[in-house]
């Protein structure tokens, strides 16, 4: 069997927030992180949807939330299921090893299955992982080998930008990721995650102005862009809808997809969050 004829399975973790539309397009397998809410543990996605999670914040509630990496056994089950389906090798692309033990669990599992597993540490989190998976899946569909696709995934992460607004800066600050000196104000903060810290990149007075600021931030970042617009809960729908409408018409943008901000990311940003990830398509 040549490299070109090998069937490659692709696995990622639920922190990638990989949307259903792309999961179906590429046949991606997603291993859920564990999200514990007020003492009860759930598998992100199968046991706790985005809607279920953000409902816990209703009426001003502030649930206690923590996240944990999947167990190695969850990866073994996924890898073995792919092997049984006829996959010859697996590309497993995950949240950065500096922020989660997910890759360690995948590595332990990879040593227990009967087909090769190529692991990729994206060095990033949230939809930044999905960007890497998307480009690798596109490459595999076009005939790339597993090593070539892994290299593409690794090269994609540094090209990804992001911009977003949140409903409450206090929730971001509680997660320990808000850059020092970022104070509350009467305006709406436009934020970006840069080198692991959330920085204020602008301030606006109205949601319409926030849309303008975010679209300008994306459109000024290059050409042939793929853009993913994320929404936490229904409170953020007006902004996400406006972003999709505006970005879909931008000449710099190749494709726009919508994704839900799930529990493992929403634990850090809270309800009312909407934003974009963007990167140059290959």
C-alpha atoms as a PDB file:
ATOM      1  CA  UNK A   1       0.000   0.000   0.000  1.00  0.00           C
ATOM      2  CA  UNK A   2       1.384   3.411  -0.969  1.00  0.00           C
ATOM      3  CA  UNK A   3       1.133   6.540   1.179  1.00  0.00           C
ATOM      4  CA  UNK A   4      -1.378   7.987  -1.275  1.00  0.00           C
ATOM      5  CA  UNK A   5      -3.763   5.021  -0.929  1.00  0.00           C
ATOM      6  CA  UNK A   6      -3.788   4.869   2.864  1.00  0.00           C
ATOM      7  CA  UNK A   7      -7.074   5.814   4.533  1.00  0.00           C
ATOM      8  CA  UNK A   8      -6.480   8.493   7.173  1.00  0.00           C
ATOM      9  CA  UNK A   9      -8.814   9.125  10.102  1.00  0.00           C
ATOM     10  CA  UNK A  10      -8.840  12.503  11.835  1.00  0.00           C
ATOM     11  CA  UNK A  11      -9.437  13.041  15.556  1.00  0.00           C
ATOM     12  CA  UNK A  12      -9.611  16.205  17.628  1.00  0.00           C
ATOM     13  CA  UNK A  13     -10.924  17.173  21.060  1.00  0.00           C
ATOM     14  CA  UNK A  14     -14.058  19.087  21.997  1.00  0.00           C
ATOM     15  CA  UNK A  15     -12.146  22.229  23.018  1.00  0.00           C
ATOM     16  CA  UNK A  16     -11.741  22.807  19.275  1.00  0.00           C
ATOM     17  CA  UNK A  17     -15.459  23.694  19.136  1.00  0.00           C
ATOM     18  CA  UNK A  18     -15.490  21.971  15.736  1.00  0.00           C
ATOM     19  CA  UNK A  19     -18.902  22.693  14.187  1.00  0.00           C
ATOM     20  CA  UNK A  20     -21.309  19.991  13.051  1.00  0.00           C
ATOM     21  CA  UNK A  21     -21.227  21.181   9.429  1.00  0.00           C
ATOM     22  CA  UNK A  22     -17.472  20.597   9.172  1.00  0.00           C
ATOM     23  CA  UNK A  23     -17.616  17.388  11.215  1.00  0.00           C
ATOM     24  CA  UNK A  24     -19.994  15.953   8.622  1.00  0.00           C
ATOM     25  CA  UNK A  25     -18.013  17.348   5.686  1.00  0.00           C
ATOM     26  CA  UNK A  26     -14.740  15.714   6.739  1.00  0.00           C
ATOM     27  CA  UNK A  27     -15.825  12.854   9.019  1.00  0.00           C
ATOM     28  CA  UNK A  28     -13.953  14.158  12.075  1.00  0.00           C
ATOM     29  CA  UNK A  29     -14.038  12.225  15.358  1.00  0.00           C
ATOM     30  CA  UNK A  30     -14.261  14.416  18.477  1.00  0.00           C
ATOM     31  CA  UNK A  31     -13.152  13.247  21.932  1.00  0.00           C
ATOM     32  CA  UNK A  32     -14.937  15.218  24.680  1.00  0.00           C
ATOM     33  CA  UNK A  33     -13.226  17.045  27.510  1.00  0.00           C
ATOM     34  CA  UNK A  34     -14.798  16.772  30.952  1.00  0.00           C
ATOM     35  CA  UNK A  35     -16.551  19.884  32.233  1.00  0.00           C
ATOM     36  CA  UNK A  36     -17.535  19.947  35.907  1.00  0.00           C
ATOM     37  CA  UNK A  37     -20.351  22.324  36.814  1.00  0.00           C
ATOM     38  CA  UNK A  38     -21.204  22.813  40.486  1.00  0.00           C
ATOM     39  CA  UNK A  39     -19.635  19.479  41.372  1.00  0.00           C
ATOM     40  CA  UNK A  40     -21.158  17.363  38.585  1.00  0.00           C
ATOM     41  CA  UNK A  41     -18.919  16.097  35.765  1.00  0.00           C
ATOM     42  CA  UNK A  42     -20.136  16.033  32.156  1.00  0.00           C
ATOM     43  CA  UNK A  43     -18.672  15.027  28.800  1.00  0.00           C
ATOM     44  CA  UNK A  44     -18.622  18.205  26.713  1.00  0.00           C
ATOM     45  CA  UNK A  45     -21.093  17.782  23.892  1.00  0.00           C
ATOM     46  CA  UNK A  46     -22.702  14.378  24.567  1.00  0.00           C
ATOM     47  CA  UNK A  47     -23.686  15.178  28.179  1.00  0.00           C
ATOM     48  CA  UNK A  48     -23.557  18.981  28.230  1.00  0.00           C
ATOM     49  CA  UNK A  49     -24.469  21.097  25.213  1.00  0.00           C
ATOM     50  CA  UNK A  50     -23.752  24.798  24.830  1.00  0.00           C
ATOM     51  CA  UNK A  51     -27.423  25.600  25.479  1.00  0.00           C
ATOM     52  CA  UNK A  52     -27.483  23.478  28.641  1.00  0.00           C
ATOM     53  CA  UNK A  53     -24.269  25.052  29.876  1.00  0.00           C
ATOM     54  CA  UNK A  54     -25.198  28.704  29.364  1.00  0.00           C
ATOM     55  CA  UNK A  55     -28.635  28.092  30.892  1.00  0.00           C
ATOM     56  CA  UNK A  56     -26.742  27.674  34.180  1.00  0.00           C
ATOM     57  CA  UNK A  57     -26.018  31.429  34.051  1.00  0.00           C
ATOM     58  CA  UNK A  58     -29.703  32.403  33.904  1.00  0.00           C
ATOM     59  CA  UNK A  59     -30.988  35.051  36.311  1.00  0.00           C
ATOM     60  CA  UNK A  60     -27.469  36.165  37.189  1.00  0.00           C
ATOM     61  CA  UNK A  61     -26.283  32.782  38.466  1.00  0.00           C
ATOM     62  CA  UNK A  62     -22.531  32.132  38.611  1.00  0.00           C
ATOM     63  CA  UNK A  63     -21.889  28.376  38.490  1.00  0.00           C
ATOM     64  CA  UNK A  64     -18.551  26.945  39.590  1.00  0.00           C
ATOM     65  CA  UNK A  65     -16.963  25.450  36.478  1.00  0.00           C
ATOM     66  CA  UNK A  66     -13.739  23.516  35.855  1.00  0.00           C
ATOM     67  CA  UNK A  67     -12.434  21.483  32.921  1.00  0.00           C
ATOM     68  CA  UNK A  68     -10.299  18.356  32.610  1.00  0.00           C
ATOM     69  CA  UNK A  69      -8.638  16.432  29.803  1.00  0.00           C
ATOM     70  CA  UNK A  70     -10.229  13.250  28.450  1.00  0.00           C
ATOM     71  CA  UNK A  71      -9.045   9.970  29.935  1.00  0.00           C
ATOM     72  CA  UNK A  72      -6.687   7.860  27.790  1.00  0.00           C
ATOM     73  CA  UNK A  73      -9.420   5.231  27.546  1.00  0.00           C
ATOM     74  CA  UNK A  74     -11.642   7.676  25.651  1.00  0.00           C
ATOM     75  CA  UNK A  75      -8.947   8.035  23.015  1.00  0.00           C
ATOM     76  CA  UNK A  76      -8.352   4.269  22.872  1.00  0.00           C
ATOM     77  CA  UNK A  77     -12.062   3.740  22.195  1.00  0.00           C
ATOM     78  CA  UNK A  78     -12.062   6.337  19.420  1.00  0.00           C
ATOM     79  CA  UNK A  79      -8.864   5.110  17.799  1.00  0.00           C
ATOM     80  CA  UNK A  80     -10.011   1.481  17.888  1.00  0.00           C
ATOM     81  CA  UNK A  81     -13.370   2.410  16.382  1.00  0.00           C
ATOM     82  CA  UNK A  82     -11.596   4.115  13.493  1.00  0.00           C
ATOM     83  CA  UNK A  83      -9.290   1.140  13.018  1.00  0.00           C
ATOM     84  CA  UNK A  84     -12.291  -1.201  12.911  1.00  0.00           C
ATOM     85  CA  UNK A  85     -13.875   1.011  10.236  1.00  0.00           C
ATOM     86  CA  UNK A  86     -10.933   0.419   7.898  1.00  0.00           C
ATOM     87  CA  UNK A  87      -8.713   3.411   8.687  1.00  0.00           C
ATOM     88  CA  UNK A  88      -4.994   2.687   8.141  1.00  0.00           C
ATOM     89  CA  UNK A  89      -3.571   5.560  10.213  1.00  0.00           C
ATOM     90  CA  UNK A  90      -4.848   8.406  12.377  1.00  0.00           C
ATOM     91  CA  UNK A  91      -4.032  12.102  12.564  1.00  0.00           C
ATOM     92  CA  UNK A  92      -4.912  13.339  16.063  1.00  0.00           C
ATOM     93  CA  UNK A  93      -4.838  17.149  16.454  1.00  0.00           C
ATOM     94  CA  UNK A  94      -5.271  18.753  19.866  1.00  0.00           C
ATOM     95  CA  UNK A  95      -5.297  21.654  22.274  1.00  0.00           C
ATOM     96  CA  UNK A  96      -1.848  22.901  23.260  1.00  0.00           C
ATOM     97  CA  UNK A  97       0.045  20.766  25.762  1.00  0.00           C
ATOM     98  CA  UNK A  98       0.926  23.831  27.856  1.00  0.00           C
ATOM     99  CA  UNK A  99      -2.727  24.429  28.762  1.00  0.00           C
ATOM    100  CA  UNK A 100      -4.176  20.897  28.879  1.00  0.00           C
ATOM    101  CA  UNK A 101      -3.148  17.282  29.504  1.00  0.00           C
ATOM    102  CA  UNK A 102      -5.258  16.172  26.527  1.00  0.00           C
ATOM    103  CA  UNK A 103      -2.253  15.426  24.326  1.00  0.00           C
ATOM    104  CA  UNK A 104      -0.683  13.307  27.079  1.00  0.00           C
ATOM    105  CA  UNK A 105      -3.852  11.203  27.220  1.00  0.00           C
ATOM    106  CA  UNK A 106      -3.832  10.825  23.430  1.00  0.00           C
ATOM    107  CA  UNK A 107      -0.167   9.786  23.499  1.00  0.00           C
ATOM    108  CA  UNK A 108      -0.838   7.046  26.069  1.00  0.00           C
ATOM    109  CA  UNK A 109      -3.741   5.792  23.978  1.00  0.00           C
ATOM    110  CA  UNK A 110      -1.741   5.844  20.737  1.00  0.00           C
ATOM    111  CA  UNK A 111       0.676   3.298  22.220  1.00  0.00           C
ATOM    112  CA  UNK A 112      -2.203   0.875  22.821  1.00  0.00           C
ATOM    113  CA  UNK A 113      -3.768   0.635  19.362  1.00  0.00           C
ATOM    114  CA  UNK A 114      -2.738  -1.412  16.378  1.00  0.00           C
ATOM    115  CA  UNK A 115      -2.417   1.324  13.742  1.00  0.00           C
ATOM    116  CA  UNK A 116      -0.098   4.356  13.587  1.00  0.00           C
ATOM    117  CA  UNK A 117      -1.318   7.544  15.290  1.00  0.00           C
ATOM    118  CA  UNK A 118       0.347  10.844  14.370  1.00  0.00           C
ATOM    119  CA  UNK A 119      -0.131  13.420  17.160  1.00  0.00           C
ATOM    120  CA  UNK A 120      -0.148  17.187  16.625  1.00  0.00           C
ATOM    121  CA  UNK A 121       0.253  19.730  19.413  1.00  0.00           C
ATOM    122  CA  UNK A 122      -1.330  22.877  17.966  1.00  0.00           C
ATOM    123  CA  UNK A 123      -0.039  25.062  20.788  1.00  0.00           C
ATOM    124  CA  UNK A 124      -3.402  26.810  20.785  1.00  0.00           C
ATOM    125  CA  UNK A 125      -6.952  26.421  22.084  1.00  0.00           C
ATOM    126  CA  UNK A 126     -10.612  26.879  21.191  1.00  0.00           C
ATOM    127  CA  UNK A 127     -11.405  27.295  17.489  1.00  0.00           C
ATOM    128  CA  UNK A 128      -7.705  27.836  16.827  1.00  0.00           C
ATOM    129  CA  UNK A 129      -7.470  24.034  17.014  1.00  0.00           C
ATOM    130  CA  UNK A 130     -10.337  23.690  14.547  1.00  0.00           C
ATOM    131  CA  UNK A 131      -8.511  25.929  12.077  1.00  0.00           C
ATOM    132  CA  UNK A 132      -5.607  23.464  12.106  1.00  0.00           C
ATOM    133  CA  UNK A 133      -7.934  20.472  11.753  1.00  0.00           C
ATOM    134  CA  UNK A 134      -9.825  22.109   8.884  1.00  0.00           C
ATOM    135  CA  UNK A 135      -6.700  22.811   6.843  1.00  0.00           C
ATOM    136  CA  UNK A 136      -5.285  19.342   7.496  1.00  0.00           C
ATOM    137  CA  UNK A 137      -8.584  17.710   6.503  1.00  0.00           C
ATOM    138  CA  UNK A 138      -8.669  19.739   3.291  1.00  0.00           C
ATOM    139  CA  UNK A 139      -5.128  18.617   2.505  1.00  0.00           C
ATOM    140  CA  UNK A 140      -5.950  14.945   3.114  1.00  0.00           C
ATOM    141  CA  UNK A 141      -8.989  15.219   0.877  1.00  0.00           C
ATOM    142  CA  UNK A 142      -6.665  16.556  -1.824  1.00  0.00           C
ATOM    143  CA  UNK A 143      -4.315  13.577  -1.455  1.00  0.00           C
ATOM    144  CA  UNK A 144      -1.811  14.715   1.184  1.00  0.00           C
ATOM    145  CA  UNK A 145       0.051  12.131   3.255  1.00  0.00           C
ATOM    146  CA  UNK A 146      -0.421  12.082   6.999  1.00  0.00           C
ATOM    147  CA  UNK A 147       2.978  13.728   7.558  1.00  0.00           C
ATOM    148  CA  UNK A 148       2.194  16.486   5.076  1.00  0.00           C
ATOM    149  CA  UNK A 149      -1.205  17.081   6.698  1.00  0.00           C
ATOM    150  CA  UNK A 150       0.386  17.180  10.161  1.00  0.00           C
ATOM    151  CA  UNK A 151       2.894  19.769   8.953  1.00  0.00           C
ATOM    152  CA  UNK A 152       0.049  21.866   7.553  1.00  0.00           C
ATOM    153  CA  UNK A 153      -1.812  21.692  10.876  1.00  0.00           C
ATOM    154  CA  UNK A 154       1.307  22.792  12.748  1.00  0.00           C
ATOM    155  CA  UNK A 155       1.951  25.637  10.309  1.00  0.00           C
ATOM    156  CA  UNK A 156      -1.632  26.906  10.468  1.00  0.00           C
ATOM    157  CA  UNK A 157      -1.745  27.710  14.193  1.00  0.00           C
ATOM    158  CA  UNK A 158       0.618  30.739  14.060  1.00  0.00           C
ATOM    159  CA  UNK A 159      -1.423  32.275  11.216  1.00  0.00           C
ATOM    160  CA  UNK A 160      -4.710  32.358  13.140  1.00  0.00           C
ATOM    161  CA  UNK A 161      -6.088  35.634  14.476  1.00  0.00           C
ATOM    162  CA  UNK A 162      -9.119  36.309  16.648  1.00  0.00           C
ATOM    163  CA  UNK A 163     -11.341  39.124  17.838  1.00  0.00           C
ATOM    164  CA  UNK A 164     -14.385  39.023  20.118  1.00  0.00           C
ATOM    165  CA  UNK A 165     -16.566  40.713  22.711  1.00  0.00           C
ATOM    166  CA  UNK A 166     -17.825  39.200  25.958  1.00  0.00           C
ATOM    167  CA  UNK A 167     -20.868  39.865  28.066  1.00  0.00           C
ATOM    168  CA  UNK A 168     -18.965  40.380  31.297  1.00  0.00           C
ATOM    169  CA  UNK A 169     -15.276  41.166  31.679  1.00  0.00           C
ATOM    170  CA  UNK A 170     -15.424  39.859  35.250  1.00  0.00           C
ATOM    171  CA  UNK A 171     -15.811  36.278  33.969  1.00  0.00           C
ATOM    172  CA  UNK A 172     -12.762  36.623  31.727  1.00  0.00           C
ATOM    173  CA  UNK A 173     -10.747  38.150  34.556  1.00  0.00           C
ATOM    174  CA  UNK A 174     -11.733  35.296  36.895  1.00  0.00           C
ATOM    175  CA  UNK A 175     -10.198  32.875  34.385  1.00  0.00           C
ATOM    176  CA  UNK A 176      -6.820  34.570  34.895  1.00  0.00           C
ATOM    177  CA  UNK A 177      -6.320  35.433  31.214  1.00  0.00           C
ATOM    178  CA  UNK A 178      -7.128  39.138  31.119  1.00  0.00           C
ATOM    179  CA  UNK A 179      -3.991  41.214  30.539  1.00  0.00           C
ATOM    180  CA  UNK A 180      -2.964  43.498  33.378  1.00  0.00           C
ATOM    181  CA  UNK A 181      -4.219  47.060  33.254  1.00  0.00           C
ATOM    182  CA  UNK A 182      -7.388  46.160  31.316  1.00  0.00           C
ATOM    183  CA  UNK A 183     -10.064  48.012  33.238  1.00  0.00           C
ATOM    184  CA  UNK A 184     -13.853  48.181  32.862  1.00  0.00           C
ATOM    185  CA  UNK A 185     -15.387  51.211  31.185  1.00  0.00           C
ATOM    186  CA  UNK A 186     -18.725  52.464  29.927  1.00  0.00           C
ATOM    187  CA  UNK A 187     -18.032  51.101  26.425  1.00  0.00           C
ATOM    188  CA  UNK A 188     -18.029  47.624  24.925  1.00  0.00           C
ATOM    189  CA  UNK A 189     -14.525  46.156  24.888  1.00  0.00           C
ATOM    190  CA  UNK A 190     -13.301  44.527  21.698  1.00  0.00           C
ATOM    191  CA  UNK A 191     -10.801  41.856  22.722  1.00  0.00           C
ATOM    192  CA  UNK A 192      -8.215  39.488  21.249  1.00  0.00           C
ATOM    193  CA  UNK A 193      -6.338  36.520  22.706  1.00  0.00           C
ATOM    194  CA  UNK A 194      -2.665  37.188  22.003  1.00  0.00           C
ATOM    195  CA  UNK A 195       0.116  34.927  23.345  1.00  0.00           C
ATOM    196  CA  UNK A 196      -2.172  33.477  26.004  1.00  0.00           C
ATOM    197  CA  UNK A 197      -3.455  36.797  27.355  1.00  0.00           C
ATOM    198  CA  UNK A 198      -6.690  38.586  26.475  1.00  0.00           C
ATOM    199  CA  UNK A 199      -5.964  42.133  25.357  1.00  0.00           C
ATOM    200  CA  UNK A 200      -8.292  45.029  24.638  1.00  0.00           C
ATOM    201  CA  UNK A 201      -7.859  46.016  20.983  1.00  0.00           C
ATOM    202  CA  UNK A 202     -10.645  48.571  20.879  1.00  0.00           C
ATOM    203  CA  UNK A 203     -13.601  50.064  22.663  1.00  0.00           C
ATOM    204  CA  UNK A 204     -17.001  50.945  21.240  1.00  0.00           C
ATOM    205  CA  UNK A 205     -20.247  52.302  22.592  1.00  0.00           C
ATOM    206  CA  UNK A 206     -22.748  50.154  20.715  1.00  0.00           C
ATOM    207  CA  UNK A 207     -22.998  46.633  19.333  1.00  0.00           C
ATOM    208  CA  UNK A 208     -23.257  48.023  15.792  1.00  0.00           C
ATOM    209  CA  UNK A 209     -19.949  49.760  16.332  1.00  0.00           C
ATOM    210  CA  UNK A 210     -18.532  46.496  17.688  1.00  0.00           C
ATOM    211  CA  UNK A 211     -19.542  44.789  14.438  1.00  0.00           C
ATOM    212  CA  UNK A 212     -17.761  47.490  12.445  1.00  0.00           C
ATOM    213  CA  UNK A 213     -14.627  47.197  14.579  1.00  0.00           C
ATOM    214  CA  UNK A 214     -14.515  43.402  14.354  1.00  0.00           C
ATOM    215  CA  UNK A 215     -15.125  43.305  10.595  1.00  0.00           C
ATOM    216  CA  UNK A 216     -12.384  45.894  10.083  1.00  0.00           C
ATOM    217  CA  UNK A 217     -10.024  43.829  12.246  1.00  0.00           C
ATOM    218  CA  UNK A 218     -10.682  40.703  10.146  1.00  0.00           C
ATOM    219  CA  UNK A 219     -10.710  42.356   6.726  1.00  0.00           C
ATOM    220  CA  UNK A 220      -7.439  44.118   7.392  1.00  0.00           C
ATOM    221  CA  UNK A 221      -5.649  40.841   8.088  1.00  0.00           C
ATOM    222  CA  UNK A 222      -5.074  39.629   4.529  1.00  0.00           C
ATOM    223  CA  UNK A 223      -6.825  37.948   1.620  1.00  0.00           C
ATOM    224  CA  UNK A 224      -8.406  34.567   0.919  1.00  0.00           C
ATOM    225  CA  UNK A 225      -9.449  34.276   4.543  1.00  0.00           C
ATOM    226  CA  UNK A 226     -11.476  31.586   6.188  1.00  0.00           C
ATOM    227  CA  UNK A 227     -13.555  32.986   9.043  1.00  0.00           C
ATOM    228  CA  UNK A 228     -15.396  31.215  11.845  1.00  0.00           C
ATOM    229  CA  UNK A 229     -17.970  33.236  13.765  1.00  0.00           C
ATOM    230  CA  UNK A 230     -18.622  31.920  17.264  1.00  0.00           C
ATOM    231  CA  UNK A 231     -21.650  32.498  19.464  1.00  0.00           C
ATOM    232  CA  UNK A 232     -22.151  31.550  23.087  1.00  0.00           C
ATOM    233  CA  UNK A 233     -25.879  31.947  23.730  1.00  0.00           C
ATOM    234  CA  UNK A 234     -28.913  33.701  22.277  1.00  0.00           C
ATOM    235  CA  UNK A 235     -27.867  36.975  23.875  1.00  0.00           C
ATOM    236  CA  UNK A 236     -25.045  37.187  21.338  1.00  0.00           C
ATOM    237  CA  UNK A 237     -27.121  36.336  18.253  1.00  0.00           C
ATOM    238  CA  UNK A 238     -27.580  39.911  16.998  1.00  0.00           C
ATOM    239  CA  UNK A 239     -23.824  40.427  16.859  1.00  0.00           C
ATOM    240  CA  UNK A 240     -23.030  37.031  15.320  1.00  0.00           C
ATOM    241  CA  UNK A 241     -25.717  37.481  12.657  1.00  0.00           C
ATOM    242  CA  UNK A 242     -24.392  40.922  11.759  1.00  0.00           C
ATOM    243  CA  UNK A 243     -20.841  39.571  11.573  1.00  0.00           C
ATOM    244  CA  UNK A 244     -21.811  36.718   9.245  1.00  0.00           C
ATOM    245  CA  UNK A 245     -23.771  39.045   6.967  1.00  0.00           C
ATOM    246  CA  UNK A 246     -20.969  41.578   6.719  1.00  0.00           C
ATOM    247  CA  UNK A 247     -18.072  39.139   6.448  1.00  0.00           C
ATOM    248  CA  UNK A 248     -19.801  37.005   3.807  1.00  0.00           C
ATOM    249  CA  UNK A 249     -19.750  40.054   1.541  1.00  0.00           C
ATOM    250  CA  UNK A 250     -16.121  40.952   2.213  1.00  0.00           C
ATOM    251  CA  UNK A 251     -13.862  40.403  -0.826  1.00  0.00           C
ATOM    252  CA  UNK A 252     -11.055  39.253   1.479  1.00  0.00           C
ATOM    253  CA  UNK A 253     -13.132  36.377   2.859  1.00  0.00           C
ATOM    254  CA  UNK A 254     -13.303  32.985   1.110  1.00  0.00           C
ATOM    255  CA  UNK A 255     -15.694  31.184   3.477  1.00  0.00           C
ATOM    256  CA  UNK A 256     -17.591  31.867   6.700  1.00  0.00           C
ATOM    257  CA  UNK A 257     -18.872  29.209   9.110  1.00  0.00           C
ATOM    258  CA  UNK A 258     -20.805  29.518  12.357  1.00  0.00           C
ATOM    259  CA  UNK A 259     -19.870  27.583  15.479  1.00  0.00           C
ATOM    260  CA  UNK A 260     -21.116  27.425  19.056  1.00  0.00           C
ATOM    261  CA  UNK A 261     -18.859  28.380  21.926  1.00  0.00           C
ATOM    262  CA  UNK A 262     -19.087  25.326  24.142  1.00  0.00           C
ATOM    263  CA  UNK A 263     -18.600  24.742  27.866  1.00  0.00           C
ATOM    264  CA  UNK A 264     -14.809  24.243  27.904  1.00  0.00           C
ATOM    265  CA  UNK A 265     -14.347  27.690  26.320  1.00  0.00           C
ATOM    266  CA  UNK A 266     -17.449  29.341  27.779  1.00  0.00           C
ATOM    267  CA  UNK A 267     -16.081  28.593  31.246  1.00  0.00           C
ATOM    268  CA  UNK A 268     -13.513  31.341  30.558  1.00  0.00           C
ATOM    269  CA  UNK A 269     -15.639  33.814  28.575  1.00  0.00           C
ATOM    270  CA  UNK A 270     -19.162  33.403  29.928  1.00  0.00           C
ATOM    271  CA  UNK A 271     -22.514  34.156  28.282  1.00  0.00           C
ATOM    272  CA  UNK A 272     -23.049  36.954  25.768  1.00  0.00           C
ATOM    273  CA  UNK A 273     -19.829  36.213  23.893  1.00  0.00           C
ATOM    274  CA  UNK A 274     -19.446  36.475  20.120  1.00  0.00           C
ATOM    275  CA  UNK A 275     -16.344  36.677  17.982  1.00  0.00           C
ATOM    276  CA  UNK A 276     -14.279  35.470  15.056  1.00  0.00           C
ATOM    277  CA  UNK A 277     -11.288  33.321  14.275  1.00  0.00           C
ATOM    278  CA  UNK A 278      -9.684  34.005  10.917  1.00  0.00           C
ATOM    279  CA  UNK A 279      -6.713  32.743   8.910  1.00  0.00           C
ATOM    280  CA  UNK A 280      -5.523  32.505   5.306  1.00  0.00           C
ATOM    281  CA  UNK A 281      -6.833  29.408   3.550  1.00  0.00           C
ATOM    282  CA  UNK A 282      -4.278  27.218   1.799  1.00  0.00           C
END
